Amino acid sequence: MWELYPDTLDYQYGRPGRRAVYTIEPVPDGLRFTLDADDADGKPMHHVYGGKLDGEDVSIPNTALTLSLEKLDESTIQSTLKKEARVLDRWTRTVQDGGSDMVITQHGFKPDGTPFQNSGIYRRVR
């Protein structure tokens, strides 16, 4: 379990929320990710997703979206969200400092197609 350290937020685009707890759990076929957070207006958010870390696109039910999960190295996991094979955004999660910190970086695109990166550091709490 990891908790956002809000003073580390570095956003190039959008408005960050100031509270987030991120959990990564092993499941039989990979990992499950759970995000409990507040958006920039304080509205609660809850997202659960996961699967195999094989880089394969998996359809998200009732949408035109796919999500792939991939282990890039011993410290980094990446998820890529696509619509009709076009990358919408990509998230990397890199564990640092002997396992006490995790940097989560969003690699996205503004409406005009310009790329951006948003990041924050999460501290291990369990």
N, C-alpha and C. Protein backbone atom coordinates (compact mmCIF):
# COMPACT_ATOMS: atom_id res chain seq x y z
N MET A 1 0.85 -1.17 0.00
CA MET A 1 0.00 0.00 0.00
C MET A 1 0.90 1.24 0.00
N TRP A 2 0.55 2.20 -0.82
CA TRP A 2 1.34 3.40 -1.02
C TRP A 2 0.45 4.63 -0.87
N GLU A 3 0.97 5.67 -0.26
CA GLU A 3 0.21 6.91 -0.06
C GLU A 3 0.92 8.06 -0.77
N LEU A 4 0.14 8.88 -1.48
CA LEU A 4 0.69 10.02 -2.20
C LEU A 4 1.31 11.01 -1.24
N TYR A 5 2.49 11.46 -1.57
CA TYR A 5 3.17 12.54 -0.86
C TYR A 5 2.90 13.81 -1.68
N PRO A 6 1.86 14.60 -1.34
CA PRO A 6 1.36 15.66 -2.22
C PRO A 6 2.38 16.74 -2.58
N ASP A 7 3.37 16.98 -1.73
CA ASP A 7 4.35 18.02 -2.06
C ASP A 7 5.24 17.64 -3.24
N THR A 8 5.19 16.38 -3.69
CA THR A 8 6.03 15.93 -4.80
C THR A 8 5.32 16.00 -6.15
N LEU A 9 4.06 16.40 -6.16
CA LEU A 9 3.32 16.43 -7.42
C LEU A 9 3.97 17.39 -8.41
N ASP A 10 4.17 16.90 -9.63
CA ASP A 10 4.76 17.70 -10.71
C ASP A 10 3.88 17.50 -11.93
N TYR A 11 2.96 18.42 -12.15
CA TYR A 11 1.98 18.30 -13.23
C TYR A 11 2.27 19.29 -14.34
N GLN A 12 2.35 18.80 -15.57
CA GLN A 12 2.48 19.66 -16.74
C GLN A 12 1.11 19.97 -17.33
N TYR A 13 0.10 19.16 -16.97
CA TYR A 13 -1.23 19.36 -17.54
C TYR A 13 -2.27 18.84 -16.56
N GLY A 14 -3.36 19.59 -16.40
CA GLY A 14 -4.45 19.18 -15.54
C GLY A 14 -4.25 19.65 -14.10
N ARG A 15 -5.21 19.31 -13.28
CA ARG A 15 -5.20 19.69 -11.87
C ARG A 15 -5.12 18.43 -11.01
N PRO A 16 -4.12 18.29 -10.20
CA PRO A 16 -3.99 17.07 -9.38
C PRO A 16 -4.86 17.12 -8.14
N GLY A 17 -5.30 15.94 -7.74
CA GLY A 17 -5.90 15.80 -6.43
C GLY A 17 -4.78 15.78 -5.39
N ARG A 18 -5.12 15.95 -4.13
CA ARG A 18 -4.09 16.02 -3.09
C ARG A 18 -4.07 14.79 -2.20
N ARG A 19 -4.99 13.82 -2.42
CA ARG A 19 -5.01 12.61 -1.60
C ARG A 19 -5.16 11.41 -2.52
N ALA A 20 -4.30 10.41 -2.30
CA ALA A 20 -4.42 9.16 -3.05
C ALA A 20 -3.74 8.03 -2.28
N VAL A 21 -4.37 6.88 -2.27
CA VAL A 21 -3.80 5.66 -1.72
C VAL A 21 -3.85 4.62 -2.84
N TYR A 22 -2.70 4.01 -3.10
CA TYR A 22 -2.55 3.09 -4.22
C TYR A 22 -2.11 1.74 -3.67
N THR A 23 -2.83 0.69 -4.04
CA THR A 23 -2.51 -0.65 -3.57
C THR A 23 -2.20 -1.54 -4.76
N ILE A 24 -1.13 -2.31 -4.65
CA ILE A 24 -0.77 -3.30 -5.66
C ILE A 24 -0.75 -4.65 -4.98
N GLU A 25 -1.54 -5.59 -5.50
CA GLU A 25 -1.66 -6.91 -4.88
C GLU A 25 -1.43 -8.00 -5.92
N PRO A 26 -0.72 -9.06 -5.53
CA PRO A 26 -0.60 -10.21 -6.44
C PRO A 26 -1.93 -10.94 -6.55
N VAL A 27 -2.27 -11.37 -7.75
CA VAL A 27 -3.43 -12.22 -8.01
C VAL A 27 -2.92 -13.39 -8.86
N PRO A 28 -3.69 -14.47 -8.99
CA PRO A 28 -3.18 -15.65 -9.69
C PRO A 28 -2.58 -15.38 -11.07
N ASP A 29 -3.16 -14.46 -11.84
CA ASP A 29 -2.66 -14.22 -13.20
C ASP A 29 -1.89 -12.91 -13.34
N GLY A 30 -1.41 -12.31 -12.26
CA GLY A 30 -0.68 -11.05 -12.40
C GLY A 30 -0.82 -10.18 -11.17
N LEU A 31 -1.25 -8.94 -11.40
CA LEU A 31 -1.40 -7.98 -10.31
C LEU A 31 -2.74 -7.28 -10.39
N ARG A 32 -3.23 -6.84 -9.23
CA ARG A 32 -4.43 -6.01 -9.15
C ARG A 32 -4.02 -4.67 -8.56
N PHE A 33 -4.45 -3.60 -9.21
CA PHE A 33 -4.15 -2.24 -8.78
C PHE A 33 -5.45 -1.60 -8.29
N THR A 34 -5.39 -0.95 -7.13
CA THR A 34 -6.55 -0.25 -6.60
C THR A 34 -6.13 1.17 -6.24
N LEU A 35 -6.87 2.14 -6.76
CA LEU A 35 -6.62 3.54 -6.45
C LEU A 35 -7.84 4.11 -5.74
N ASP A 36 -7.63 4.60 -4.53
CA ASP A 36 -8.64 5.35 -3.78
C ASP A 36 -8.08 6.75 -3.64
N ALA A 37 -8.79 7.74 -4.19
CA ALA A 37 -8.26 9.10 -4.23
C ALA A 37 -9.38 10.11 -4.26
N ASP A 38 -9.01 11.36 -4.18
CA ASP A 38 -9.91 12.48 -4.40
C ASP A 38 -9.41 13.23 -5.61
N ASP A 39 -10.34 13.65 -6.49
CA ASP A 39 -9.91 14.44 -7.63
C ASP A 39 -9.59 15.87 -7.17
N ALA A 40 -9.26 16.74 -8.10
CA ALA A 40 -8.85 18.11 -7.76
C ALA A 40 -9.94 18.89 -7.05
N ASP A 41 -11.21 18.48 -7.22
CA ASP A 41 -12.33 19.15 -6.56
C ASP A 41 -12.76 18.45 -5.28
N GLY A 42 -11.99 17.42 -4.86
CA GLY A 42 -12.30 16.71 -3.63
C GLY A 42 -13.31 15.58 -3.80
N LYS A 43 -13.71 15.28 -5.03
CA LYS A 43 -14.67 14.20 -5.29
C LYS A 43 -13.95 12.86 -5.21
N PRO A 44 -14.50 11.90 -4.45
CA PRO A 44 -13.85 10.60 -4.32
C PRO A 44 -13.79 9.83 -5.64
N MET A 45 -12.69 9.11 -5.83
CA MET A 45 -12.51 8.24 -6.99
C MET A 45 -12.09 6.86 -6.48
N HIS A 46 -12.52 5.84 -7.18
CA HIS A 46 -12.12 4.46 -6.83
C HIS A 46 -11.98 3.69 -8.14
N HIS A 47 -10.79 3.19 -8.43
CA HIS A 47 -10.53 2.44 -9.65
C HIS A 47 -9.81 1.14 -9.27
N VAL A 48 -10.27 0.04 -9.87
CA VAL A 48 -9.63 -1.26 -9.69
C VAL A 48 -9.40 -1.84 -11.08
N TYR A 49 -8.20 -2.30 -11.34
CA TYR A 49 -7.89 -2.92 -12.62
C TYR A 49 -6.69 -3.84 -12.42
N GLY A 50 -6.37 -4.62 -13.42
CA GLY A 50 -5.21 -5.50 -13.29
C GLY A 50 -5.22 -6.60 -14.30
N GLY A 51 -4.29 -7.52 -14.11
CA GLY A 51 -4.18 -8.66 -15.01
C GLY A 51 -2.74 -9.09 -15.17
N LYS A 52 -2.52 -9.83 -16.24
CA LYS A 52 -1.19 -10.33 -16.55
C LYS A 52 -0.27 -9.20 -16.98
N LEU A 53 1.01 -9.35 -16.66
CA LEU A 53 2.02 -8.35 -17.03
C LEU A 53 2.71 -8.79 -18.33
N ASP A 54 1.90 -9.07 -19.34
CA ASP A 54 2.42 -9.63 -20.58
C ASP A 54 2.44 -8.66 -21.77
N GLY A 55 1.98 -7.42 -21.55
CA GLY A 55 1.97 -6.43 -22.62
C GLY A 55 0.85 -6.59 -23.63
N GLU A 56 -0.03 -7.57 -23.43
CA GLU A 56 -1.14 -7.81 -24.36
C GLU A 56 -2.30 -6.85 -24.08
N ASP A 57 -2.89 -6.31 -25.15
CA ASP A 57 -4.06 -5.45 -25.01
C ASP A 57 -5.27 -6.29 -24.60
N VAL A 58 -5.95 -5.86 -23.54
CA VAL A 58 -7.15 -6.54 -23.05
C VAL A 58 -8.30 -5.56 -23.13
N SER A 59 -9.40 -5.99 -23.73
CA SER A 59 -10.57 -5.13 -23.86
C SER A 59 -11.15 -4.79 -22.50
N ILE A 60 -11.57 -3.54 -22.36
CA ILE A 60 -12.29 -3.11 -21.16
C ILE A 60 -13.77 -3.23 -21.49
N PRO A 61 -14.51 -4.06 -20.74
CA PRO A 61 -15.91 -4.31 -21.07
C PRO A 61 -16.73 -3.04 -21.25
N ASN A 62 -17.62 -3.10 -22.25
CA ASN A 62 -18.58 -2.02 -22.55
C ASN A 62 -17.93 -0.72 -22.98
N THR A 63 -16.69 -0.78 -23.49
CA THR A 63 -16.01 0.41 -24.00
C THR A 63 -15.26 0.04 -25.28
N ALA A 64 -14.72 1.04 -25.96
CA ALA A 64 -13.85 0.82 -27.12
C ALA A 64 -12.39 0.85 -26.70
N LEU A 65 -12.12 0.69 -25.40
CA LEU A 65 -10.78 0.82 -24.85
C LEU A 65 -10.13 -0.53 -24.59
N THR A 66 -8.79 -0.52 -24.63
CA THR A 66 -8.01 -1.67 -24.20
C THR A 66 -6.97 -1.18 -23.20
N LEU A 67 -6.51 -2.12 -22.37
CA LEU A 67 -5.46 -1.82 -21.40
C LEU A 67 -4.45 -2.95 -21.45
N SER A 68 -3.17 -2.57 -21.49
CA SER A 68 -2.11 -3.57 -21.39
C SER A 68 -1.27 -3.26 -20.17
N LEU A 69 -0.75 -4.31 -19.56
CA LEU A 69 0.14 -4.20 -18.41
C LEU A 69 1.43 -4.92 -18.75
N GLU A 70 2.55 -4.30 -18.36
CA GLU A 70 3.84 -4.86 -18.72
C GLU A 70 4.87 -4.55 -17.65
N LYS A 71 5.68 -5.54 -17.34
CA LYS A 71 6.80 -5.34 -16.42
C LYS A 71 8.00 -4.96 -17.27
N LEU A 72 8.47 -3.70 -17.13
CA LEU A 72 9.58 -3.21 -17.95
C LEU A 72 10.93 -3.66 -17.42
N ASP A 73 11.05 -3.71 -16.08
CA ASP A 73 12.26 -4.19 -15.43
C ASP A 73 11.89 -4.57 -14.00
N GLU A 74 12.85 -4.88 -13.17
CA GLU A 74 12.56 -5.34 -11.81
C GLU A 74 11.88 -4.27 -10.95
N SER A 75 11.95 -3.02 -11.36
CA SER A 75 11.40 -1.93 -10.56
C SER A 75 10.23 -1.19 -11.20
N THR A 76 9.92 -1.50 -12.47
CA THR A 76 8.96 -0.68 -13.21
C THR A 76 7.87 -1.51 -13.88
N ILE A 77 6.64 -1.06 -13.67
CA ILE A 77 5.46 -1.63 -14.33
C ILE A 77 4.82 -0.51 -15.13
N GLN A 78 4.35 -0.86 -16.33
CA GLN A 78 3.71 0.12 -17.19
C GLN A 78 2.32 -0.35 -17.58
N SER A 79 1.38 0.59 -17.63
CA SER A 79 0.07 0.29 -18.18
C SER A 79 -0.17 1.26 -19.34
N THR A 80 -0.80 0.75 -20.39
CA THR A 80 -1.07 1.56 -21.57
C THR A 80 -2.54 1.45 -21.91
N LEU A 81 -3.21 2.60 -21.98
CA LEU A 81 -4.62 2.67 -22.33
C LEU A 81 -4.72 3.09 -23.79
N LYS A 82 -5.50 2.31 -24.57
CA LYS A 82 -5.65 2.60 -26.00
C LYS A 82 -7.12 2.64 -26.38
N LYS A 83 -7.39 3.40 -27.43
CA LYS A 83 -8.71 3.40 -28.06
C LYS A 83 -8.48 3.17 -29.55
N GLU A 84 -9.03 2.08 -30.05
CA GLU A 84 -8.87 1.73 -31.47
C GLU A 84 -7.39 1.73 -31.85
N ALA A 85 -6.56 1.09 -31.03
CA ALA A 85 -5.11 0.90 -31.23
C ALA A 85 -4.29 2.19 -31.08
N ARG A 86 -4.92 3.31 -30.76
CA ARG A 86 -4.20 4.57 -30.54
C ARG A 86 -3.98 4.77 -29.04
N VAL A 87 -2.74 5.04 -28.66
CA VAL A 87 -2.41 5.24 -27.25
C VAL A 87 -3.04 6.53 -26.75
N LEU A 88 -3.84 6.42 -25.69
CA LEU A 88 -4.42 7.60 -25.05
C LEU A 88 -3.50 8.10 -23.94
N ASP A 89 -3.05 7.17 -23.11
CA ASP A 89 -2.04 7.52 -22.11
C ASP A 89 -1.36 6.25 -21.61
N ARG A 90 -0.24 6.50 -20.96
CA ARG A 90 0.60 5.42 -20.45
C ARG A 90 1.04 5.83 -19.06
N TRP A 91 1.06 4.88 -18.14
CA TRP A 91 1.45 5.13 -16.76
C TRP A 91 2.62 4.22 -16.40
N THR A 92 3.66 4.79 -15.82
CA THR A 92 4.75 3.97 -15.30
C THR A 92 4.77 4.10 -13.79
N ARG A 93 5.08 2.99 -13.14
CA ARG A 93 5.21 2.93 -11.69
C ARG A 93 6.58 2.36 -11.40
N THR A 94 7.46 3.18 -10.83
CA THR A 94 8.84 2.76 -10.58
C THR A 94 9.14 2.83 -9.09
N VAL A 95 9.49 1.67 -8.52
CA VAL A 95 9.84 1.60 -7.10
C VAL A 95 11.30 2.05 -6.96
N GLN A 96 11.54 2.94 -5.98
CA GLN A 96 12.86 3.51 -5.76
C GLN A 96 13.25 3.42 -4.28
N ASP A 97 14.45 3.88 -3.99
CA ASP A 97 14.94 4.03 -2.61
C ASP A 97 14.74 2.78 -1.76
N GLY A 98 15.17 1.64 -2.29
CA GLY A 98 15.08 0.40 -1.53
C GLY A 98 13.67 -0.06 -1.25
N GLY A 99 12.71 0.42 -2.03
CA GLY A 99 11.33 -0.01 -1.87
C GLY A 99 10.46 0.90 -1.04
N SER A 100 10.99 2.03 -0.56
CA SER A 100 10.19 2.91 0.29
C SER A 100 9.38 3.93 -0.51
N ASP A 101 9.79 4.23 -1.73
CA ASP A 101 9.10 5.22 -2.57
C ASP A 101 8.75 4.60 -3.92
N MET A 102 7.66 5.10 -4.50
CA MET A 102 7.28 4.71 -5.85
C MET A 102 6.91 5.98 -6.62
N VAL A 103 7.53 6.19 -7.77
CA VAL A 103 7.20 7.31 -8.63
C VAL A 103 6.18 6.83 -9.66
N ILE A 104 5.03 7.50 -9.71
CA ILE A 104 4.02 7.19 -10.71
C ILE A 104 4.01 8.36 -11.68
N THR A 105 4.20 8.04 -12.97
CA THR A 105 4.23 9.06 -14.01
C THR A 105 3.19 8.75 -15.07
N GLN A 106 2.37 9.75 -15.38
CA GLN A 106 1.41 9.66 -16.47
C GLN A 106 2.05 10.30 -17.69
N HIS A 107 2.05 9.58 -18.80
CA HIS A 107 2.54 10.07 -20.08
C HIS A 107 1.30 10.19 -20.97
N GLY A 108 0.79 11.41 -21.14
CA GLY A 108 -0.46 11.58 -21.86
C GLY A 108 -0.36 12.59 -22.98
N PHE A 109 -1.53 12.94 -23.52
CA PHE A 109 -1.61 13.88 -24.62
C PHE A 109 -2.70 14.90 -24.33
N LYS A 110 -2.37 16.17 -24.53
CA LYS A 110 -3.37 17.24 -24.40
C LYS A 110 -4.35 17.12 -25.57
N PRO A 111 -5.49 17.82 -25.50
CA PRO A 111 -6.46 17.75 -26.61
C PRO A 111 -5.87 18.11 -27.98
N ASP A 112 -4.84 18.96 -28.00
CA ASP A 112 -4.23 19.32 -29.29
C ASP A 112 -3.17 18.32 -29.74
N GLY A 113 -2.97 17.23 -28.97
CA GLY A 113 -2.01 16.19 -29.32
C GLY A 113 -0.63 16.37 -28.73
N THR A 114 -0.38 17.49 -28.07
CA THR A 114 0.91 17.74 -27.44
C THR A 114 1.11 16.79 -26.27
N PRO A 115 2.27 16.12 -26.18
CA PRO A 115 2.49 15.22 -25.05
C PRO A 115 2.74 15.97 -23.74
N PHE A 116 2.42 15.32 -22.64
CA PHE A 116 2.70 15.87 -21.31
C PHE A 116 3.06 14.73 -20.37
N GLN A 117 3.68 15.10 -19.23
CA GLN A 117 3.96 14.15 -18.16
C GLN A 117 3.53 14.76 -16.84
N ASN A 118 2.84 13.95 -16.05
CA ASN A 118 2.46 14.31 -14.68
C ASN A 118 3.04 13.24 -13.77
N SER A 119 3.58 13.64 -12.63
CA SER A 119 4.14 12.62 -11.74
C SER A 119 3.95 13.00 -10.28
N GLY A 120 4.11 11.99 -9.44
CA GLY A 120 4.06 12.17 -8.00
C GLY A 120 4.75 10.99 -7.33
N ILE A 121 5.21 11.22 -6.12
CA ILE A 121 5.87 10.17 -5.36
C ILE A 121 4.89 9.65 -4.31
N TYR A 122 4.84 8.33 -4.22
CA TYR A 122 4.03 7.64 -3.22
C TYR A 122 4.97 6.96 -2.25
N ARG A 123 4.66 7.05 -0.96
CA ARG A 123 5.47 6.42 0.08
C ARG A 123 4.80 5.15 0.54
N ARG A 124 5.60 4.12 0.75
CA ARG A 124 5.06 2.84 1.22
C ARG A 124 4.55 3.02 2.65
N VAL A 125 3.31 2.59 2.87
CA VAL A 125 2.74 2.65 4.22
C VAL A 125 2.47 1.25 4.77
N ARG A 126 2.50 0.22 3.93
CA ARG A 126 2.36 -1.18 4.33
C ARG A 126 3.06 -2.05 3.33
